Amino acid sequence: MAPRSAPAAVAATVDVLDLSAKKVGTVDLPGEWFGGEVNVPVMHQVVTAQLAAARQGTHKTKTRAEVRGGGRKPWKQKGTGRARQGSIRAPQWVGGGVSHGRVPKDWAQRVNRKMRRAALRSALADRLAGGNIVVVDRFAFDAPRTKDAVTALSALGAGPNVLLVLADFDEAAVLSVRNLGDVHTLLVDQLNTHDVLRSDTVVIEEAAVALIGTGTRSGDADVEIEFATSEEDGQ
């Protein structure tokens, strides 16, 4: 791993906005996650491993031994003028087995915790350097409504691809952005390098900033969320 300068205690102090883009305060972004240099090789290795782990690996083709039939020799060895054949399930026959075909495989790659943290730190530092981190006091609505979410994101200047990081599960917020194909929602304990890098703007709730990297969220609810995914997710 390439040498990296030690992150500062505070990487930057940014404004905290409400959903109408009005400043309501400031927050210090911890240098542990938003400071230091951007390590591209580590990010590449971690993202590659993450995408590989998402592969199902359930692809399967049948060999000539697994295809039904073909137990009888189609014709005698000599005297027919045709090429010798031993089974109609050989790979060169239509309906035959596949030679060197794909079989179930575990595509997972080993990446240790230190590298995952370094990659996430680099991704967040890159987004901060580009001015693509937006901190909101709370991304919440009285009731689920996509129009309200579109208005809020437009006011915040977020786009075209947005990563919304919530401190805890909020049903109204999740349902409001679920139909927006260019908005990907994560809880803070699900934050990862790949989703940060594929987004143009990272919108983070103020309460989530201090929870990055802790593996926890602000509430105790353990809720499974079904998020909408774009076609390029490939999952």
C-alpha atoms as a PDB file:
ATOM      1  CA  MET A   1       0.000   0.000   0.000  1.00  0.00           C
ATOM      2  CA  ALA A   2       1.320   3.420  -0.947  1.00  0.00           C
ATOM      3  CA  PRO A   3       2.280   5.687   1.953  1.00  0.00           C
ATOM      4  CA  ARG A   4      -0.466   8.045   3.038  1.00  0.00           C
ATOM      5  CA  SER A   5      -0.210  11.219   5.071  1.00  0.00           C
ATOM      6  CA  ALA A   6      -1.860  11.119   8.496  1.00  0.00           C
ATOM      7  CA  PRO A   7      -5.394  12.547   8.384  1.00  0.00           C
ATOM      8  CA  ALA A   8      -6.075  15.738  10.270  1.00  0.00           C
ATOM      9  CA  ALA A   9      -8.382  15.721  13.286  1.00  0.00           C
ATOM     10  CA  VAL A  10     -10.847  17.829  11.285  1.00  0.00           C
ATOM     11  CA  ALA A  11     -10.755  17.580   7.503  1.00  0.00           C
ATOM     12  CA  ALA A  12     -13.101  20.508   6.901  1.00  0.00           C
ATOM     13  CA  THR A  13     -15.940  22.495   8.404  1.00  0.00           C
ATOM     14  CA  VAL A  14     -18.982  22.555   6.142  1.00  0.00           C
ATOM     15  CA  ASP A  15     -22.387  24.164   6.331  1.00  0.00           C
ATOM     16  CA  VAL A  16     -25.385  22.179   7.475  1.00  0.00           C
ATOM     17  CA  LEU A  17     -28.397  22.875   5.269  1.00  0.00           C
ATOM     18  CA  ASP A  18     -32.095  22.215   5.587  1.00  0.00           C
ATOM     19  CA  LEU A  19     -34.135  20.812   2.710  1.00  0.00           C
ATOM     20  CA  SER A  20     -34.654  24.297   1.315  1.00  0.00           C
ATOM     21  CA  ALA A  21     -30.839  24.782   1.166  1.00  0.00           C
ATOM     22  CA  LYS A  22     -30.830  27.335   4.001  1.00  0.00           C
ATOM     23  CA  LYS A  23     -27.859  27.234   6.359  1.00  0.00           C
ATOM     24  CA  VAL A  24     -28.839  26.051   9.830  1.00  0.00           C
ATOM     25  CA  GLY A  25     -25.380  25.441  11.289  1.00  0.00           C
ATOM     26  CA  THR A  26     -21.977  23.930  10.642  1.00  0.00           C
ATOM     27  CA  VAL A  27     -20.373  20.541  11.225  1.00  0.00           C
ATOM     28  CA  ASP A  28     -16.769  19.346  11.397  1.00  0.00           C
ATOM     29  CA  LEU A  29     -15.994  16.482   9.043  1.00  0.00           C
ATOM     30  CA  PRO A  30     -13.620  14.083  10.837  1.00  0.00           C
ATOM     31  CA  GLY A  31     -10.186  13.798   9.275  1.00  0.00           C
ATOM     32  CA  GLU A  32     -10.236  10.061   9.918  1.00  0.00           C
ATOM     33  CA  TRP A  33     -12.738   9.662   7.079  1.00  0.00           C
ATOM     34  CA  PHE A  34     -12.558  12.848   5.036  1.00  0.00           C
ATOM     35  CA  GLY A  35      -8.849  13.724   5.316  1.00  0.00           C
ATOM     36  CA  GLY A  36      -5.620  12.423   3.846  1.00  0.00           C
ATOM     37  CA  GLU A  37      -4.571  11.659   0.290  1.00  0.00           C
ATOM     38  CA  VAL A  38      -6.615   9.790  -2.275  1.00  0.00           C
ATOM     39  CA  ASN A  39      -5.233   6.287  -2.793  1.00  0.00           C
ATOM     40  CA  VAL A  40      -6.471   5.187  -6.208  1.00  0.00           C
ATOM     41  CA  PRO A  41      -4.900   1.660  -6.269  1.00  0.00           C
ATOM     42  CA  VAL A  42      -6.534   0.739  -2.962  1.00  0.00           C
ATOM     43  CA  MET A  43      -9.908   2.044  -4.103  1.00  0.00           C
ATOM     44  CA  HIS A  44      -9.604   0.023  -7.299  1.00  0.00           C
ATOM     45  CA  GLN A  45      -8.773  -3.180  -5.452  1.00  0.00           C
ATOM     46  CA  VAL A  46     -11.575  -2.762  -2.922  1.00  0.00           C
ATOM     47  CA  VAL A  47     -14.206  -1.897  -5.550  1.00  0.00           C
ATOM     48  CA  THR A  48     -13.115  -4.835  -7.697  1.00  0.00           C
ATOM     49  CA  ALA A  49     -13.462  -7.153  -4.704  1.00  0.00           C
ATOM     50  CA  GLN A  50     -16.869  -5.685  -3.834  1.00  0.00           C
ATOM     51  CA  LEU A  51     -18.221  -6.196  -7.342  1.00  0.00           C
ATOM     52  CA  ALA A  52     -16.764  -9.698  -7.470  1.00  0.00           C
ATOM     53  CA  ALA A  53     -18.431 -10.618  -4.186  1.00  0.00           C
ATOM     54  CA  ALA A  54     -21.770  -9.465  -5.601  1.00  0.00           C
ATOM     55  CA  ARG A  55     -21.614 -12.080  -8.363  1.00  0.00           C
ATOM     56  CA  GLN A  56     -23.899 -15.034  -7.722  1.00  0.00           C
ATOM     57  CA  GLY A  57     -21.542 -17.583  -9.231  1.00  0.00           C
ATOM     58  CA  THR A  58     -24.441 -19.974  -9.916  1.00  0.00           C
ATOM     59  CA  HIS A  59     -23.798 -20.351 -13.658  1.00  0.00           C
ATOM     60  CA  LYS A  60     -23.699 -23.994 -14.737  1.00  0.00           C
ATOM     61  CA  THR A  61     -23.334 -25.912 -17.990  1.00  0.00           C
ATOM     62  CA  LYS A  62     -23.550 -29.667 -18.462  1.00  0.00           C
ATOM     63  CA  THR A  63     -20.670 -31.802 -19.649  1.00  0.00           C
ATOM     64  CA  ARG A  64     -21.188 -34.782 -21.941  1.00  0.00           C
ATOM     65  CA  ALA A  65     -21.400 -36.973 -18.857  1.00  0.00           C
ATOM     66  CA  GLU A  66     -24.320 -34.975 -17.463  1.00  0.00           C
ATOM     67  CA  VAL A  67     -26.488 -34.687 -20.587  1.00  0.00           C
ATOM     68  CA  ARG A  68     -29.292 -37.253 -20.774  1.00  0.00           C
ATOM     69  CA  GLY A  69     -28.934 -39.929 -23.460  1.00  0.00           C
ATOM     70  CA  GLY A  70     -26.091 -40.756 -25.801  1.00  0.00           C
ATOM     71  CA  GLY A  71     -25.209 -44.059 -24.213  1.00  0.00           C
ATOM     72  CA  ARG A  72     -25.308 -45.968 -27.491  1.00  0.00           C
ATOM     73  CA  LYS A  73     -22.675 -45.593 -30.185  1.00  0.00           C
ATOM     74  CA  PRO A  74     -24.525 -43.852 -33.086  1.00  0.00           C
ATOM     75  CA  TRP A  75     -22.980 -46.087 -35.765  1.00  0.00           C
ATOM     76  CA  LYS A  76     -20.273 -48.670 -36.068  1.00  0.00           C
ATOM     77  CA  GLN A  77     -16.664 -47.612 -35.978  1.00  0.00           C
ATOM     78  CA  LYS A  78     -15.696 -48.586 -39.521  1.00  0.00           C
ATOM     79  CA  GLY A  79     -17.236 -49.094 -42.906  1.00  0.00           C
ATOM     80  CA  THR A  80     -19.784 -46.277 -43.007  1.00  0.00           C
ATOM     81  CA  GLY A  81     -17.590 -43.648 -44.667  1.00  0.00           C
ATOM     82  CA  ARG A  82     -18.448 -41.224 -41.916  1.00  0.00           C
ATOM     83  CA  ALA A  83     -16.268 -39.936 -39.139  1.00  0.00           C
ATOM     84  CA  ARG A  84     -16.136 -42.152 -36.095  1.00  0.00           C
ATOM     85  CA  GLN A  85     -18.424 -41.097 -33.276  1.00  0.00           C
ATOM     86  CA  GLY A  86     -18.846 -42.500 -29.807  1.00  0.00           C
ATOM     87  CA  SER A  87     -21.876 -40.588 -28.516  1.00  0.00           C
ATOM     88  CA  ILE A  88     -24.477 -38.136 -29.760  1.00  0.00           C
ATOM     89  CA  ARG A  89     -23.860 -36.158 -26.574  1.00  0.00           C
ATOM     90  CA  ALA A  90     -20.259 -35.276 -27.462  1.00  0.00           C
ATOM     91  CA  PRO A  91     -19.555 -31.516 -27.554  1.00  0.00           C
ATOM     92  CA  GLN A  92     -19.569 -31.305 -31.374  1.00  0.00           C
ATOM     93  CA  TRP A  93     -23.167 -32.599 -31.549  1.00  0.00           C
ATOM     94  CA  VAL A  94     -26.235 -30.390 -31.311  1.00  0.00           C
ATOM     95  CA  GLY A  95     -27.708 -31.082 -27.884  1.00  0.00           C
ATOM     96  CA  GLY A  96     -24.412 -32.423 -26.639  1.00  0.00           C
ATOM     97  CA  GLY A  97     -22.486 -31.416 -23.562  1.00  0.00           C
ATOM     98  CA  VAL A  98     -20.352 -28.296 -23.276  1.00  0.00           C
ATOM     99  CA  SER A  99     -16.604 -28.638 -23.322  1.00  0.00           C
ATOM    100  CA  HIS A 100     -14.870 -26.639 -20.589  1.00  0.00           C
ATOM    101  CA  GLY A 101     -18.138 -24.930 -19.689  1.00  0.00           C
ATOM    102  CA  ARG A 102     -18.869 -22.681 -16.738  1.00  0.00           C
ATOM    103  CA  VAL A 103     -19.446 -24.240 -13.347  1.00  0.00           C
ATOM    104  CA  PRO A 104     -20.482 -22.730  -9.991  1.00  0.00           C
ATOM    105  CA  LYS A 105     -17.728 -20.611  -8.527  1.00  0.00           C
ATOM    106  CA  ASP A 106     -17.169 -18.330  -5.567  1.00  0.00           C
ATOM    107  CA  TRP A 107     -15.838 -15.043  -6.990  1.00  0.00           C
ATOM    108  CA  ALA A 108     -15.164 -13.430  -3.611  1.00  0.00           C
ATOM    109  CA  GLN A 109     -11.761 -11.800  -3.123  1.00  0.00           C
ATOM    110  CA  ARG A 110     -10.087 -11.287   0.211  1.00  0.00           C
ATOM    111  CA  VAL A 111      -9.715  -7.649   1.261  1.00  0.00           C
ATOM    112  CA  ASN A 112      -8.792  -6.898   4.857  1.00  0.00           C
ATOM    113  CA  ARG A 113     -10.460  -4.305   7.071  1.00  0.00           C
ATOM    114  CA  LYS A 114      -7.560  -1.870   6.866  1.00  0.00           C
ATOM    115  CA  MET A 115      -7.814  -1.691   3.083  1.00  0.00           C
ATOM    116  CA  ARG A 116     -11.590  -1.263   3.143  1.00  0.00           C
ATOM    117  CA  ARG A 117     -11.284   1.637   5.554  1.00  0.00           C
ATOM    118  CA  ALA A 118      -8.486   3.214   3.526  1.00  0.00           C
ATOM    119  CA  ALA A 119     -10.527   2.939   0.331  1.00  0.00           C
ATOM    120  CA  LEU A 120     -13.630   4.493   1.924  1.00  0.00           C
ATOM    121  CA  ARG A 121     -11.494   7.290   3.376  1.00  0.00           C
ATOM    122  CA  SER A 122     -10.001   7.971  -0.056  1.00  0.00           C
ATOM    123  CA  ALA A 123     -13.416   8.007  -1.730  1.00  0.00           C
ATOM    124  CA  LEU A 124     -14.885  10.441   0.806  1.00  0.00           C
ATOM    125  CA  ALA A 125     -11.777  12.639   0.647  1.00  0.00           C
ATOM    126  CA  ASP A 126     -12.085  12.740  -3.138  1.00  0.00           C
ATOM    127  CA  ARG A 127     -15.733  13.800  -2.975  1.00  0.00           C
ATOM    128  CA  LEU A 128     -14.904  16.461  -0.369  1.00  0.00           C
ATOM    129  CA  ALA A 129     -12.040  17.824  -2.482  1.00  0.00           C
ATOM    130  CA  GLY A 130     -14.431  18.155  -5.418  1.00  0.00           C
ATOM    131  CA  GLY A 131     -17.030  19.977  -3.341  1.00  0.00           C
ATOM    132  CA  ASN A 132     -19.481  17.109  -3.735  1.00  0.00           C
ATOM    133  CA  ILE A 133     -20.341  16.538  -0.062  1.00  0.00           C
ATOM    134  CA  VAL A 134     -23.647  18.050   1.115  1.00  0.00           C
ATOM    135  CA  VAL A 135     -24.657  17.820   4.779  1.00  0.00           C
ATOM    136  CA  VAL A 136     -28.340  18.245   5.680  1.00  0.00           C
ATOM    137  CA  ASP A 137     -29.756  18.520   9.163  1.00  0.00           C
ATOM    138  CA  ARG A 138     -32.302  15.817   8.418  1.00  0.00           C
ATOM    139  CA  PHE A 139     -33.659  14.312   5.233  1.00  0.00           C
ATOM    140  CA  ALA A 140     -37.226  13.683   6.346  1.00  0.00           C
ATOM    141  CA  PHE A 141     -40.768  14.357   5.185  1.00  0.00           C
ATOM    142  CA  ASP A 142     -44.165  14.268   6.822  1.00  0.00           C
ATOM    143  CA  ALA A 143     -45.350  11.684   4.313  1.00  0.00           C
ATOM    144  CA  PRO A 144     -43.815   9.803   1.373  1.00  0.00           C
ATOM    145  CA  ARG A 145     -43.899  11.983  -1.721  1.00  0.00           C
ATOM    146  CA  THR A 146     -41.474  11.785  -4.622  1.00  0.00           C
ATOM    147  CA  LYS A 147     -42.169  15.371  -5.674  1.00  0.00           C
ATOM    148  CA  ASP A 148     -40.969  16.661  -2.296  1.00  0.00           C
ATOM    149  CA  ALA A 149     -37.751  14.657  -2.596  1.00  0.00           C
ATOM    150  CA  VAL A 150     -37.093  15.987  -6.106  1.00  0.00           C
ATOM    151  CA  THR A 151     -37.647  19.562  -4.907  1.00  0.00           C
ATOM    152  CA  ALA A 152     -35.309  19.092  -1.935  1.00  0.00           C
ATOM    153  CA  LEU A 153     -32.509  17.516  -3.976  1.00  0.00           C
ATOM    154  CA  SER A 154     -32.823  20.206  -6.613  1.00  0.00           C
ATOM    155  CA  ALA A 155     -32.568  22.942  -3.964  1.00  0.00           C
ATOM    156  CA  LEU A 156     -29.475  21.267  -2.518  1.00  0.00           C
ATOM    157  CA  GLY A 157     -27.854  21.205  -5.946  1.00  0.00           C
ATOM    158  CA  ALA A 158     -27.433  17.440  -5.837  1.00  0.00           C
ATOM    159  CA  GLY A 159     -27.083  15.500  -9.036  1.00  0.00           C
ATOM    160  CA  PRO A 160     -27.100  13.877 -11.441  1.00  0.00           C
ATOM    161  CA  ASN A 161     -26.217  10.709  -9.474  1.00  0.00           C
ATOM    162  CA  VAL A 162     -26.917  11.102  -5.768  1.00  0.00           C
ATOM    163  CA  LEU A 163     -25.926   8.953  -2.810  1.00  0.00           C
ATOM    164  CA  LEU A 164     -28.213   9.651   0.144  1.00  0.00           C
ATOM    165  CA  VAL A 165     -26.761   8.555   3.495  1.00  0.00           C
ATOM    166  CA  LEU A 166     -29.293   8.357   6.327  1.00  0.00           C
ATOM    167  CA  ALA A 167     -28.432   8.190  10.015  1.00  0.00           C
ATOM    168  CA  ASP A 168     -31.310   5.796  10.596  1.00  0.00           C
ATOM    169  CA  PHE A 169     -34.211   4.246   8.724  1.00  0.00           C
ATOM    170  CA  ASP A 170     -36.908   6.753   7.817  1.00  0.00           C
ATOM    171  CA  GLU A 171     -39.777   5.222   5.882  1.00  0.00           C
ATOM    172  CA  ALA A 172     -41.037   8.499   4.421  1.00  0.00           C
ATOM    173  CA  ALA A 173     -37.575   9.448   3.157  1.00  0.00           C
ATOM    174  CA  VAL A 174     -36.857   6.010   1.682  1.00  0.00           C
ATOM    175  CA  LEU A 175     -40.213   5.785  -0.074  1.00  0.00           C
ATOM    176  CA  SER A 176     -39.910   9.346  -1.372  1.00  0.00           C
ATOM    177  CA  VAL A 177     -36.710   8.600  -3.318  1.00  0.00           C
ATOM    178  CA  ARG A 178     -37.381   4.973  -4.166  1.00  0.00           C
ATOM    179  CA  ASN A 179     -38.717   5.779  -7.638  1.00  0.00           C
ATOM    180  CA  LEU A 180     -35.793   8.056  -8.499  1.00  0.00           C
ATOM    181  CA  GLY A 181     -33.388   5.991 -10.567  1.00  0.00           C
ATOM    182  CA  ASP A 182     -30.489   8.404 -10.056  1.00  0.00           C
ATOM    183  CA  VAL A 183     -30.746   8.389  -6.243  1.00  0.00           C
ATOM    184  CA  HIS A 184     -29.257   5.547  -4.214  1.00  0.00           C
ATOM    185  CA  THR A 185     -30.104   5.365  -0.509  1.00  0.00           C
ATOM    186  CA  LEU A 186     -27.939   3.807   2.197  1.00  0.00           C
ATOM    187  CA  LEU A 187     -27.978   3.756   5.958  1.00  0.00           C
ATOM    188  CA  VAL A 188     -24.745   5.017   7.477  1.00  0.00           C
ATOM    189  CA  ASP A 189     -23.630   1.532   8.520  1.00  0.00           C
ATOM    190  CA  GLN A 190     -23.962   0.416   4.870  1.00  0.00           C
ATOM    191  CA  LEU A 191     -21.655   3.113   3.478  1.00  0.00           C
ATOM    192  CA  ASN A 192     -19.097   1.657   1.092  1.00  0.00           C
ATOM    193  CA  THR A 193     -16.464   2.724  -1.421  1.00  0.00           C
ATOM    194  CA  HIS A 194     -18.257   1.609  -4.582  1.00  0.00           C
ATOM    195  CA  ASP A 195     -21.447   3.563  -3.911  1.00  0.00           C
ATOM    196  CA  VAL A 196     -19.487   6.683  -2.982  1.00  0.00           C
ATOM    197  CA  LEU A 197     -17.425   6.557  -6.174  1.00  0.00           C
ATOM    198  CA  ARG A 198     -20.365   5.952  -8.499  1.00  0.00           C
ATOM    199  CA  SER A 199     -22.191   9.004  -7.148  1.00  0.00           C
ATOM    200  CA  ASP A 200     -21.643  12.596  -8.214  1.00  0.00           C
ATOM    201  CA  THR A 201     -23.015  14.066  -4.984  1.00  0.00           C
ATOM    202  CA  VAL A 202     -23.054  12.552  -1.495  1.00  0.00           C
ATOM    203  CA  VAL A 203     -25.868  13.901   0.686  1.00  0.00           C
ATOM    204  CA  ILE A 204     -25.296  13.003   4.345  1.00  0.00           C
ATOM    205  CA  GLU A 205     -27.510  13.644   7.327  1.00  0.00           C
ATOM    206  CA  GLU A 206     -25.737  15.577  10.082  1.00  0.00           C
ATOM    207  CA  ALA A 207     -26.325  12.795  12.606  1.00  0.00           C
ATOM    208  CA  ALA A 208     -24.689  10.299  10.238  1.00  0.00           C
ATOM    209  CA  VAL A 209     -21.365  12.141  10.000  1.00  0.00           C
ATOM    210  CA  ALA A 210     -20.185  11.032  13.434  1.00  0.00           C
ATOM    211  CA  LEU A 211     -21.339   7.447  12.794  1.00  0.00           C
ATOM    212  CA  ILE A 212     -19.301   6.788   9.647  1.00  0.00           C
ATOM    213  CA  GLY A 213     -17.096   3.747  10.104  1.00  0.00           C
ATOM    214  CA  THR A 214     -18.646   2.697  13.417  1.00  0.00           C
ATOM    215  CA  GLY A 215     -20.902   0.042  11.910  1.00  0.00           C
ATOM    216  CA  THR A 216     -23.884   1.464  13.770  1.00  0.00           C
ATOM    217  CA  ARG A 217     -26.737   3.843  13.086  1.00  0.00           C
ATOM    218  CA  SER A 218     -28.507   6.356  15.279  1.00  0.00           C
ATOM    219  CA  GLY A 219     -31.525   4.144  16.045  1.00  0.00           C
ATOM    220  CA  ASP A 220     -31.926   0.572  17.197  1.00  0.00           C
ATOM    221  CA  ALA A 221     -34.407  -0.526  14.538  1.00  0.00           C
ATOM    222  CA  ASP A 222     -33.202  -3.411  12.413  1.00  0.00           C
ATOM    223  CA  VAL A 223     -35.177  -3.003   9.209  1.00  0.00           C
ATOM    224  CA  GLU A 224     -34.549  -4.649   5.868  1.00  0.00           C
ATOM    225  CA  ILE A 225     -34.957  -2.097   3.092  1.00  0.00           C
ATOM    226  CA  GLU A 226     -35.675  -2.858  -0.541  1.00  0.00           C
ATOM    227  CA  PHE A 227     -33.935  -0.122  -2.513  1.00  0.00           C
ATOM    228  CA  ALA A 228     -34.482   0.608  -6.179  1.00  0.00           C
ATOM    229  CA  THR A 229     -31.401  -0.131  -8.287  1.00  0.00           C
ATOM    230  CA  SER A 230     -30.378   1.250 -11.652  1.00  0.00           C
ATOM    231  CA  GLU A 231     -29.571  -0.920 -14.648  1.00  0.00           C
ATOM    232  CA  GLU A 232     -25.828  -0.361 -14.285  1.00  0.00           C
ATOM    233  CA  ASP A 233     -25.811  -1.873 -10.787  1.00  0.00           C
ATOM    234  CA  GLY A 234     -25.577  -5.288 -12.379  1.00  0.00           C
ATOM    235  CA  GLN A 235     -26.872  -6.973  -9.209  1.00  0.00           C
END
